[in-house]
Amino acid sequence: MTRKRRIFISVFALTTLAITVTILLYSSRTGSESVRDSDRIIPLLSSLGVNASRYTLSYIVRKSAHFLEYFALCASASGFTLCITKNKKALIIPPLYCLAVALCDEFLVQAATIGRSPELKDVFIDLFGALTAVSIIALAVYRTSKRSKK
């Protein structure tokens, strides 16, 4: 294994771990803290001309955060997976990892946190973010491998 590959493996592993820990730490915050965080983005959206109620904007921010967190988590986990194996079929593993994190996040962490409640729709949003990331990566890998065969 080359030095460059070992560095990539380390970077992707640490990034995946850091994103996972960040997701779980943010989920362990109380409901009012979570709302306060998402409400900080609302003035920015309003200044960009997004015209909706405060509740609607807060909801959009929170659900977008779910999608983006798991998009990033799956992208990082996919990078790690592709570095440790040449088998492209292994790209099934990162979304499964993300699903496991999402389920733990919702039904273990949030269920035990004051002012939070587990929601299955959040798990679906998380999984959609993960599947979007792995689909983009799989397409890029496919196109790259197709070009290298020419």
N, C-alpha and C. Protein backbone atom coordinates (compact mmCIF):
# COMPACT_ATOMS: atom_id res chain seq x y z
N MET A 1 0.85 -1.18 0.00
CA MET A 1 0.00 0.00 0.00
C MET A 1 0.90 1.25 0.00
N THR A 2 0.57 2.17 -0.87
CA THR A 2 1.40 3.37 -0.99
C THR A 2 1.14 4.33 0.17
N ARG A 3 2.09 5.22 0.37
CA ARG A 3 1.97 6.23 1.43
C ARG A 3 0.75 7.13 1.15
N LYS A 4 0.57 7.51 -0.11
CA LYS A 4 -0.56 8.36 -0.49
C LYS A 4 -1.89 7.69 -0.15
N ARG A 5 -1.99 6.41 -0.44
CA ARG A 5 -3.22 5.68 -0.15
C ARG A 5 -3.48 5.60 1.36
N ARG A 6 -2.42 5.36 2.14
CA ARG A 6 -2.57 5.32 3.61
C ARG A 6 -3.05 6.67 4.14
N ILE A 7 -2.55 7.75 3.54
CA ILE A 7 -2.99 9.09 3.96
C ILE A 7 -4.47 9.29 3.64
N PHE A 8 -4.89 8.91 2.43
CA PHE A 8 -6.30 9.02 2.05
C PHE A 8 -7.19 8.20 2.99
N ILE A 9 -6.76 6.99 3.29
CA ILE A 9 -7.53 6.14 4.20
C ILE A 9 -7.68 6.82 5.55
N SER A 10 -6.59 7.36 6.07
CA SER A 10 -6.62 8.04 7.37
C SER A 10 -7.53 9.26 7.35
N VAL A 11 -7.42 10.06 6.30
CA VAL A 11 -8.24 11.27 6.20
C VAL A 11 -9.72 10.91 6.12
N PHE A 12 -10.07 9.96 5.26
CA PHE A 12 -11.48 9.57 5.13
C PHE A 12 -12.01 8.92 6.42
N ALA A 13 -11.18 8.11 7.07
CA ALA A 13 -11.61 7.48 8.33
C ALA A 13 -11.86 8.52 9.41
N LEU A 14 -10.92 9.47 9.55
CA LEU A 14 -11.08 10.51 10.58
C LEU A 14 -12.25 11.44 10.26
N THR A 15 -12.43 11.75 9.00
CA THR A 15 -13.56 12.61 8.60
C THR A 15 -14.89 11.91 8.87
N THR A 16 -14.96 10.64 8.53
CA THR A 16 -16.18 9.87 8.78
C THR A 16 -16.48 9.81 10.27
N LEU A 17 -15.46 9.57 11.08
CA LEU A 17 -15.64 9.53 12.53
C LEU A 17 -16.07 10.90 13.06
N ALA A 18 -15.43 11.96 12.59
CA ALA A 18 -15.75 13.30 13.06
C ALA A 18 -17.20 13.69 12.71
N ILE A 19 -17.63 13.37 11.51
CA ILE A 19 -19.01 13.70 11.11
C ILE A 19 -20.00 12.88 11.93
N THR A 20 -19.69 11.60 12.16
CA THR A 20 -20.58 10.76 12.97
C THR A 20 -20.72 11.32 14.38
N VAL A 21 -19.60 11.65 15.00
CA VAL A 21 -19.62 12.20 16.37
C VAL A 21 -20.38 13.52 16.40
N THR A 22 -20.15 14.38 15.41
CA THR A 22 -20.84 15.66 15.35
C THR A 22 -22.36 15.48 15.25
N ILE A 23 -22.78 14.56 14.39
CA ILE A 23 -24.22 14.28 14.26
C ILE A 23 -24.81 13.85 15.60
N LEU A 24 -24.14 12.92 16.26
CA LEU A 24 -24.67 12.40 17.53
C LEU A 24 -24.63 13.46 18.63
N LEU A 25 -23.60 14.29 18.64
CA LEU A 25 -23.53 15.36 19.65
C LEU A 25 -24.63 16.40 19.43
N TYR A 26 -24.86 16.80 18.19
CA TYR A 26 -25.93 17.76 17.92
C TYR A 26 -27.29 17.18 18.27
N SER A 27 -27.47 15.89 18.09
CA SER A 27 -28.75 15.26 18.42
C SER A 27 -28.98 15.18 19.91
N SER A 28 -27.91 15.24 20.68
CA SER A 28 -28.06 15.13 22.13
C SER A 28 -28.37 16.49 22.77
N ARG A 29 -28.46 17.53 21.95
CA ARG A 29 -28.82 18.84 22.46
C ARG A 29 -30.33 18.90 22.63
N THR A 30 -30.78 19.73 23.56
CA THR A 30 -32.22 19.81 23.82
C THR A 30 -32.96 20.37 22.61
N GLY A 31 -34.27 20.19 22.60
CA GLY A 31 -35.09 20.68 21.51
C GLY A 31 -34.99 22.18 21.34
N SER A 32 -34.99 22.93 22.44
CA SER A 32 -34.91 24.40 22.33
C SER A 32 -33.57 24.84 21.78
N GLU A 33 -32.49 24.15 22.13
CA GLU A 33 -31.16 24.48 21.57
C GLU A 33 -31.14 24.21 20.07
N SER A 34 -31.74 23.12 19.66
CA SER A 34 -31.79 22.76 18.24
C SER A 34 -32.57 23.80 17.44
N VAL A 35 -33.71 24.22 17.96
CA VAL A 35 -34.52 25.23 17.28
C VAL A 35 -33.76 26.55 17.22
N ARG A 36 -33.09 26.92 18.31
CA ARG A 36 -32.31 28.17 18.33
C ARG A 36 -31.22 28.15 17.25
N ASP A 37 -30.56 27.01 17.10
CA ASP A 37 -29.52 26.89 16.06
C ASP A 37 -30.09 27.07 14.67
N SER A 38 -31.19 26.39 14.38
CA SER A 38 -31.77 26.50 13.03
C SER A 38 -32.37 27.88 12.80
N ASP A 39 -32.85 28.53 13.85
CA ASP A 39 -33.43 29.86 13.70
C ASP A 39 -32.39 30.93 13.36
N ARG A 40 -31.11 30.63 13.59
CA ARG A 40 -30.05 31.59 13.24
C ARG A 40 -29.93 31.77 11.72
N ILE A 41 -30.37 30.78 10.96
CA ILE A 41 -30.25 30.82 9.50
C ILE A 41 -31.42 31.58 8.86
N ILE A 42 -32.51 31.69 9.57
CA ILE A 42 -33.73 32.28 9.02
C ILE A 42 -33.53 33.71 8.50
N PRO A 43 -32.84 34.61 9.24
CA PRO A 43 -32.63 35.96 8.70
C PRO A 43 -31.87 35.95 7.36
N LEU A 44 -30.94 35.02 7.21
CA LEU A 44 -30.20 34.92 5.95
C LEU A 44 -31.16 34.54 4.81
N LEU A 45 -32.01 33.55 5.07
CA LEU A 45 -32.97 33.14 4.04
C LEU A 45 -33.94 34.27 3.69
N SER A 46 -34.38 34.99 4.70
CA SER A 46 -35.29 36.12 4.48
C SER A 46 -34.61 37.21 3.65
N SER A 47 -33.33 37.45 3.94
CA SER A 47 -32.60 38.49 3.18
C SER A 47 -32.38 38.07 1.73
N LEU A 48 -32.42 36.77 1.47
CA LEU A 48 -32.28 36.28 0.10
C LEU A 48 -33.61 36.28 -0.65
N GLY A 49 -34.67 36.72 0.04
CA GLY A 49 -35.97 36.83 -0.61
C GLY A 49 -36.87 35.63 -0.42
N VAL A 50 -36.46 34.68 0.43
CA VAL A 50 -37.32 33.52 0.70
C VAL A 50 -38.46 34.01 1.58
N ASN A 51 -39.68 33.90 1.08
CA ASN A 51 -40.84 34.44 1.76
C ASN A 51 -41.70 33.29 2.29
N ALA A 52 -41.56 33.00 3.57
CA ALA A 52 -42.36 31.95 4.21
C ALA A 52 -42.41 32.26 5.71
N SER A 53 -43.29 31.56 6.38
CA SER A 53 -43.41 31.79 7.82
C SER A 53 -42.14 31.31 8.54
N ARG A 54 -41.93 31.84 9.71
CA ARG A 54 -40.76 31.47 10.53
C ARG A 54 -40.76 29.95 10.78
N TYR A 55 -41.92 29.39 11.06
CA TYR A 55 -42.04 27.95 11.30
C TYR A 55 -41.61 27.15 10.07
N THR A 56 -42.11 27.56 8.90
CA THR A 56 -41.78 26.86 7.65
C THR A 56 -40.29 26.94 7.36
N LEU A 57 -39.71 28.13 7.52
CA LEU A 57 -38.28 28.28 7.27
C LEU A 57 -37.45 27.45 8.25
N SER A 58 -37.84 27.43 9.51
CA SER A 58 -37.13 26.63 10.51
C SER A 58 -37.20 25.15 10.15
N TYR A 59 -38.36 24.71 9.72
CA TYR A 59 -38.55 23.32 9.32
C TYR A 59 -37.65 22.98 8.13
N ILE A 60 -37.62 23.85 7.13
CA ILE A 60 -36.79 23.62 5.94
C ILE A 60 -35.31 23.55 6.32
N VAL A 61 -34.88 24.45 7.19
CA VAL A 61 -33.48 24.46 7.62
C VAL A 61 -33.14 23.16 8.33
N ARG A 62 -33.99 22.73 9.26
CA ARG A 62 -33.70 21.51 10.03
C ARG A 62 -33.66 20.27 9.14
N LYS A 63 -34.61 20.16 8.21
CA LYS A 63 -34.64 18.97 7.34
C LYS A 63 -33.51 19.01 6.32
N SER A 64 -33.16 20.20 5.84
CA SER A 64 -32.01 20.32 4.94
C SER A 64 -30.72 19.92 5.64
N ALA A 65 -30.62 20.28 6.92
CA ALA A 65 -29.44 19.90 7.70
C ALA A 65 -29.33 18.38 7.79
N HIS A 66 -30.46 17.71 8.01
CA HIS A 66 -30.45 16.24 8.03
C HIS A 66 -29.89 15.70 6.72
N PHE A 67 -30.43 16.17 5.61
CA PHE A 67 -29.99 15.70 4.30
C PHE A 67 -28.49 15.94 4.10
N LEU A 68 -28.04 17.15 4.38
CA LEU A 68 -26.64 17.51 4.13
C LEU A 68 -25.66 16.79 5.05
N GLU A 69 -26.04 16.59 6.31
CA GLU A 69 -25.17 15.85 7.23
C GLU A 69 -24.91 14.43 6.72
N TYR A 70 -25.96 13.78 6.30
CA TYR A 70 -25.82 12.39 5.86
C TYR A 70 -25.25 12.29 4.45
N PHE A 71 -25.42 13.32 3.65
CA PHE A 71 -24.75 13.39 2.35
C PHE A 71 -23.24 13.42 2.60
N ALA A 72 -22.81 14.30 3.49
CA ALA A 72 -21.38 14.42 3.81
C ALA A 72 -20.85 13.14 4.46
N LEU A 73 -21.61 12.56 5.37
CA LEU A 73 -21.19 11.33 6.03
C LEU A 73 -21.00 10.21 5.03
N CYS A 74 -21.94 10.05 4.12
CA CYS A 74 -21.86 8.97 3.14
C CYS A 74 -20.75 9.23 2.13
N ALA A 75 -20.54 10.49 1.75
CA ALA A 75 -19.46 10.81 0.82
C ALA A 75 -18.12 10.44 1.45
N SER A 76 -17.94 10.78 2.71
CA SER A 76 -16.70 10.46 3.39
C SER A 76 -16.53 8.95 3.57
N ALA A 77 -17.58 8.29 4.00
CA ALA A 77 -17.52 6.83 4.18
C ALA A 77 -17.30 6.12 2.84
N SER A 78 -17.83 6.68 1.76
CA SER A 78 -17.61 6.10 0.43
C SER A 78 -16.15 6.26 0.01
N GLY A 79 -15.57 7.41 0.30
CA GLY A 79 -14.16 7.62 0.02
C GLY A 79 -13.30 6.62 0.76
N PHE A 80 -13.62 6.41 2.03
CA PHE A 80 -12.90 5.42 2.83
C PHE A 80 -13.04 4.02 2.22
N THR A 81 -14.26 3.66 1.88
CA THR A 81 -14.53 2.33 1.31
C THR A 81 -13.77 2.11 0.02
N LEU A 82 -13.78 3.11 -0.86
CA LEU A 82 -13.08 2.97 -2.13
C LEU A 82 -11.56 2.92 -1.96
N CYS A 83 -11.06 3.51 -0.89
CA CYS A 83 -9.62 3.46 -0.63
C CYS A 83 -9.17 2.10 -0.10
N ILE A 84 -10.05 1.43 0.66
CA ILE A 84 -9.62 0.17 1.26
C ILE A 84 -9.94 -1.05 0.41
N THR A 85 -10.80 -0.88 -0.60
CA THR A 85 -11.12 -2.02 -1.46
C THR A 85 -11.25 -1.56 -2.91
N LYS A 86 -10.89 -2.43 -3.81
CA LYS A 86 -11.04 -2.13 -5.24
C LYS A 86 -12.43 -2.54 -5.74
N ASN A 87 -13.18 -3.25 -4.91
CA ASN A 87 -14.49 -3.76 -5.30
C ASN A 87 -15.53 -2.64 -5.22
N LYS A 88 -16.00 -2.19 -6.37
CA LYS A 88 -16.96 -1.09 -6.42
C LYS A 88 -18.31 -1.49 -5.83
N LYS A 89 -18.59 -2.78 -5.77
CA LYS A 89 -19.84 -3.23 -5.16
C LYS A 89 -19.87 -2.93 -3.66
N ALA A 90 -18.71 -2.67 -3.09
CA ALA A 90 -18.63 -2.34 -1.66
C ALA A 90 -19.28 -0.99 -1.36
N LEU A 91 -19.64 -0.23 -2.39
CA LEU A 91 -20.31 1.05 -2.16
C LEU A 91 -21.71 0.88 -1.55
N ILE A 92 -22.14 -0.34 -1.37
CA ILE A 92 -23.41 -0.59 -0.66
C ILE A 92 -23.21 -0.36 0.85
N ILE A 93 -21.97 -0.48 1.31
CA ILE A 93 -21.68 -0.39 2.76
C ILE A 93 -21.90 1.02 3.32
N PRO A 94 -21.41 2.10 2.69
CA PRO A 94 -21.61 3.43 3.28
C PRO A 94 -23.07 3.82 3.55
N PRO A 95 -24.01 3.58 2.61
CA PRO A 95 -25.40 3.93 2.96
C PRO A 95 -25.95 3.08 4.11
N LEU A 96 -25.50 1.84 4.22
CA LEU A 96 -25.93 1.01 5.35
C LEU A 96 -25.38 1.55 6.66
N TYR A 97 -24.12 2.00 6.62
CA TYR A 97 -23.53 2.63 7.80
C TYR A 97 -24.34 3.87 8.18
N CYS A 98 -24.67 4.69 7.18
CA CYS A 98 -25.44 5.90 7.44
C CYS A 98 -26.82 5.58 8.01
N LEU A 99 -27.44 4.53 7.50
CA LEU A 99 -28.74 4.11 8.03
C LEU A 99 -28.61 3.70 9.49
N ALA A 100 -27.55 2.97 9.82
CA ALA A 100 -27.33 2.56 11.21
C ALA A 100 -27.13 3.78 12.12
N VAL A 101 -26.35 4.76 11.65
CA VAL A 101 -26.14 5.98 12.43
C VAL A 101 -27.46 6.73 12.59
N ALA A 102 -28.24 6.84 11.51
CA ALA A 102 -29.52 7.56 11.56
C ALA A 102 -30.48 6.90 12.55
N LEU A 103 -30.54 5.59 12.53
CA LEU A 103 -31.43 4.88 13.46
C LEU A 103 -30.98 5.08 14.91
N CYS A 104 -29.68 4.98 15.15
CA CYS A 104 -29.15 5.23 16.50
C CYS A 104 -29.41 6.67 16.92
N ASP A 105 -29.20 7.59 15.99
CA ASP A 105 -29.41 9.01 16.24
C ASP A 105 -30.86 9.28 16.66
N GLU A 106 -31.79 8.78 15.89
CA GLU A 106 -33.20 9.05 16.17
C GLU A 106 -33.74 8.28 17.37
N PHE A 107 -33.47 6.96 17.40
CA PHE A 107 -34.18 6.12 18.36
C PHE A 107 -33.40 5.81 19.64
N LEU A 108 -32.13 6.20 19.70
CA LEU A 108 -31.39 6.06 20.94
C LEU A 108 -31.06 7.43 21.53
N VAL A 109 -30.43 8.29 20.73
CA VAL A 109 -29.97 9.58 21.24
C VAL A 109 -31.14 10.54 21.43
N GLN A 110 -31.90 10.79 20.36
CA GLN A 110 -32.98 11.77 20.48
C GLN A 110 -34.11 11.30 21.38
N ALA A 111 -34.35 10.01 21.41
CA ALA A 111 -35.41 9.49 22.29
C ALA A 111 -35.09 9.74 23.76
N ALA A 112 -33.80 9.87 24.08
CA ALA A 112 -33.38 10.08 25.46
C ALA A 112 -33.06 11.55 25.77
N THR A 113 -33.34 12.43 24.83
CA THR A 113 -32.99 13.84 24.99
C THR A 113 -34.24 14.67 25.24
N ILE A 114 -34.17 15.56 26.21
CA ILE A 114 -35.30 16.41 26.59
C ILE A 114 -35.70 17.30 25.41
N GLY A 115 -36.99 17.32 25.13
CA GLY A 115 -37.52 18.19 24.08
C GLY A 115 -37.30 17.65 22.67
N ARG A 116 -36.83 16.42 22.56
CA ARG A 116 -36.60 15.81 21.24
C ARG A 116 -37.45 14.55 21.15
N SER A 117 -37.81 14.18 19.94
CA SER A 117 -38.54 12.94 19.75
C SER A 117 -38.06 12.29 18.46
N PRO A 118 -37.96 10.97 18.47
CA PRO A 118 -37.52 10.28 17.25
C PRO A 118 -38.60 10.34 16.18
N GLU A 119 -38.15 10.59 14.94
CA GLU A 119 -39.10 10.64 13.82
C GLU A 119 -38.56 9.80 12.68
N LEU A 120 -39.38 8.87 12.23
CA LEU A 120 -38.98 7.98 11.14
C LEU A 120 -38.75 8.77 9.85
N LYS A 121 -39.50 9.85 9.66
CA LYS A 121 -39.30 10.65 8.43
C LYS A 121 -37.90 11.24 8.39
N ASP A 122 -37.32 11.55 9.55
CA ASP A 122 -35.95 12.05 9.58
C ASP A 122 -34.97 10.98 9.13
N VAL A 123 -35.23 9.74 9.50
CA VAL A 123 -34.37 8.63 9.05
C VAL A 123 -34.43 8.52 7.53
N PHE A 124 -35.62 8.69 6.96
CA PHE A 124 -35.77 8.64 5.50
C PHE A 124 -35.04 9.81 4.82
N ILE A 125 -35.11 11.00 5.41
CA ILE A 125 -34.39 12.16 4.87
C ILE A 125 -32.89 11.90 4.94
N ASP A 126 -32.43 11.36 6.07
CA ASP A 126 -31.01 11.02 6.24
C ASP A 126 -30.57 10.01 5.19
N LEU A 127 -31.36 8.98 5.01
CA LEU A 127 -31.03 7.94 4.04
C LEU A 127 -31.04 8.50 2.62
N PHE A 128 -31.96 9.40 2.32
CA PHE A 128 -32.00 10.02 0.99
C PHE A 128 -30.73 10.83 0.74
N GLY A 129 -30.24 11.55 1.77
CA GLY A 129 -28.98 12.27 1.64
C GLY A 129 -27.83 11.33 1.36
N ALA A 130 -27.79 10.21 2.09
CA ALA A 130 -26.73 9.21 1.90
C ALA A 130 -26.81 8.59 0.51
N LEU A 131 -28.00 8.23 0.08
CA LEU A 131 -28.16 7.60 -1.24
C LEU A 131 -27.83 8.57 -2.37
N THR A 132 -28.12 9.84 -2.17
CA THR A 132 -27.76 10.84 -3.18
C THR A 132 -26.24 10.92 -3.32
N ALA A 133 -25.54 10.97 -2.19
CA ALA A 133 -24.07 11.04 -2.22
C ALA A 133 -23.47 9.81 -2.87
N VAL A 134 -23.90 8.63 -2.46
CA VAL A 134 -23.30 7.40 -3.01
C VAL A 134 -23.66 7.24 -4.48
N SER A 135 -24.81 7.74 -4.91
CA SER A 135 -25.18 7.66 -6.33
C SER A 135 -24.27 8.54 -7.17
N ILE A 136 -24.00 9.73 -6.70
CA ILE A 136 -23.09 10.63 -7.42
C ILE A 136 -21.69 10.02 -7.49
N ILE A 137 -21.23 9.47 -6.38
CA ILE A 137 -19.90 8.85 -6.34
C ILE A 137 -19.84 7.63 -7.24
N ALA A 138 -20.86 6.79 -7.20
CA ALA A 138 -20.89 5.58 -8.05
C ALA A 138 -20.89 5.97 -9.53
N LEU A 139 -21.63 7.01 -9.87
CA LEU A 139 -21.65 7.49 -11.25
C LEU A 139 -20.26 7.98 -11.67
N ALA A 140 -19.61 8.74 -10.79
CA ALA A 140 -18.25 9.24 -11.09
C ALA A 140 -17.27 8.08 -11.24
N VAL A 141 -17.36 7.08 -10.37
CA VAL A 141 -16.48 5.91 -10.46
C VAL A 141 -16.73 5.15 -11.76
N TYR A 142 -17.99 4.99 -12.10
CA TYR A 142 -18.34 4.29 -13.34
C TYR A 142 -17.79 5.02 -14.55
N ARG A 143 -18.00 6.33 -14.59
CA ARG A 143 -17.53 7.11 -15.73
C ARG A 143 -16.00 7.11 -15.82
N THR A 144 -15.34 7.19 -14.67
CA THR A 144 -13.88 7.17 -14.65
C THR A 144 -13.34 5.83 -15.12
N SER A 145 -13.93 4.76 -14.64
CA SER A 145 -13.45 3.42 -15.03
C SER A 145 -13.76 3.14 -16.50
N LYS A 146 -14.85 3.69 -17.00
CA LYS A 146 -15.22 3.52 -18.41
C LYS A 146 -14.20 4.23 -19.31
N ARG A 147 -13.76 5.43 -18.89
CA ARG A 147 -12.77 6.19 -19.65
C ARG A 147 -11.41 5.51 -19.63
N SER A 148 -11.04 4.95 -18.49
CA SER A 148 -9.71 4.33 -18.39
C SER A 148 -9.61 3.04 -19.20
N LYS A 149 -10.74 2.44 -19.56
CA LYS A 149 -10.74 1.23 -20.37
C LYS A 149 -10.53 1.53 -21.85
N LYS A 150 -10.76 2.79 -22.23
CA LYS A 150 -10.61 3.17 -23.64
C LYS A 150 -9.17 3.27 -24.06
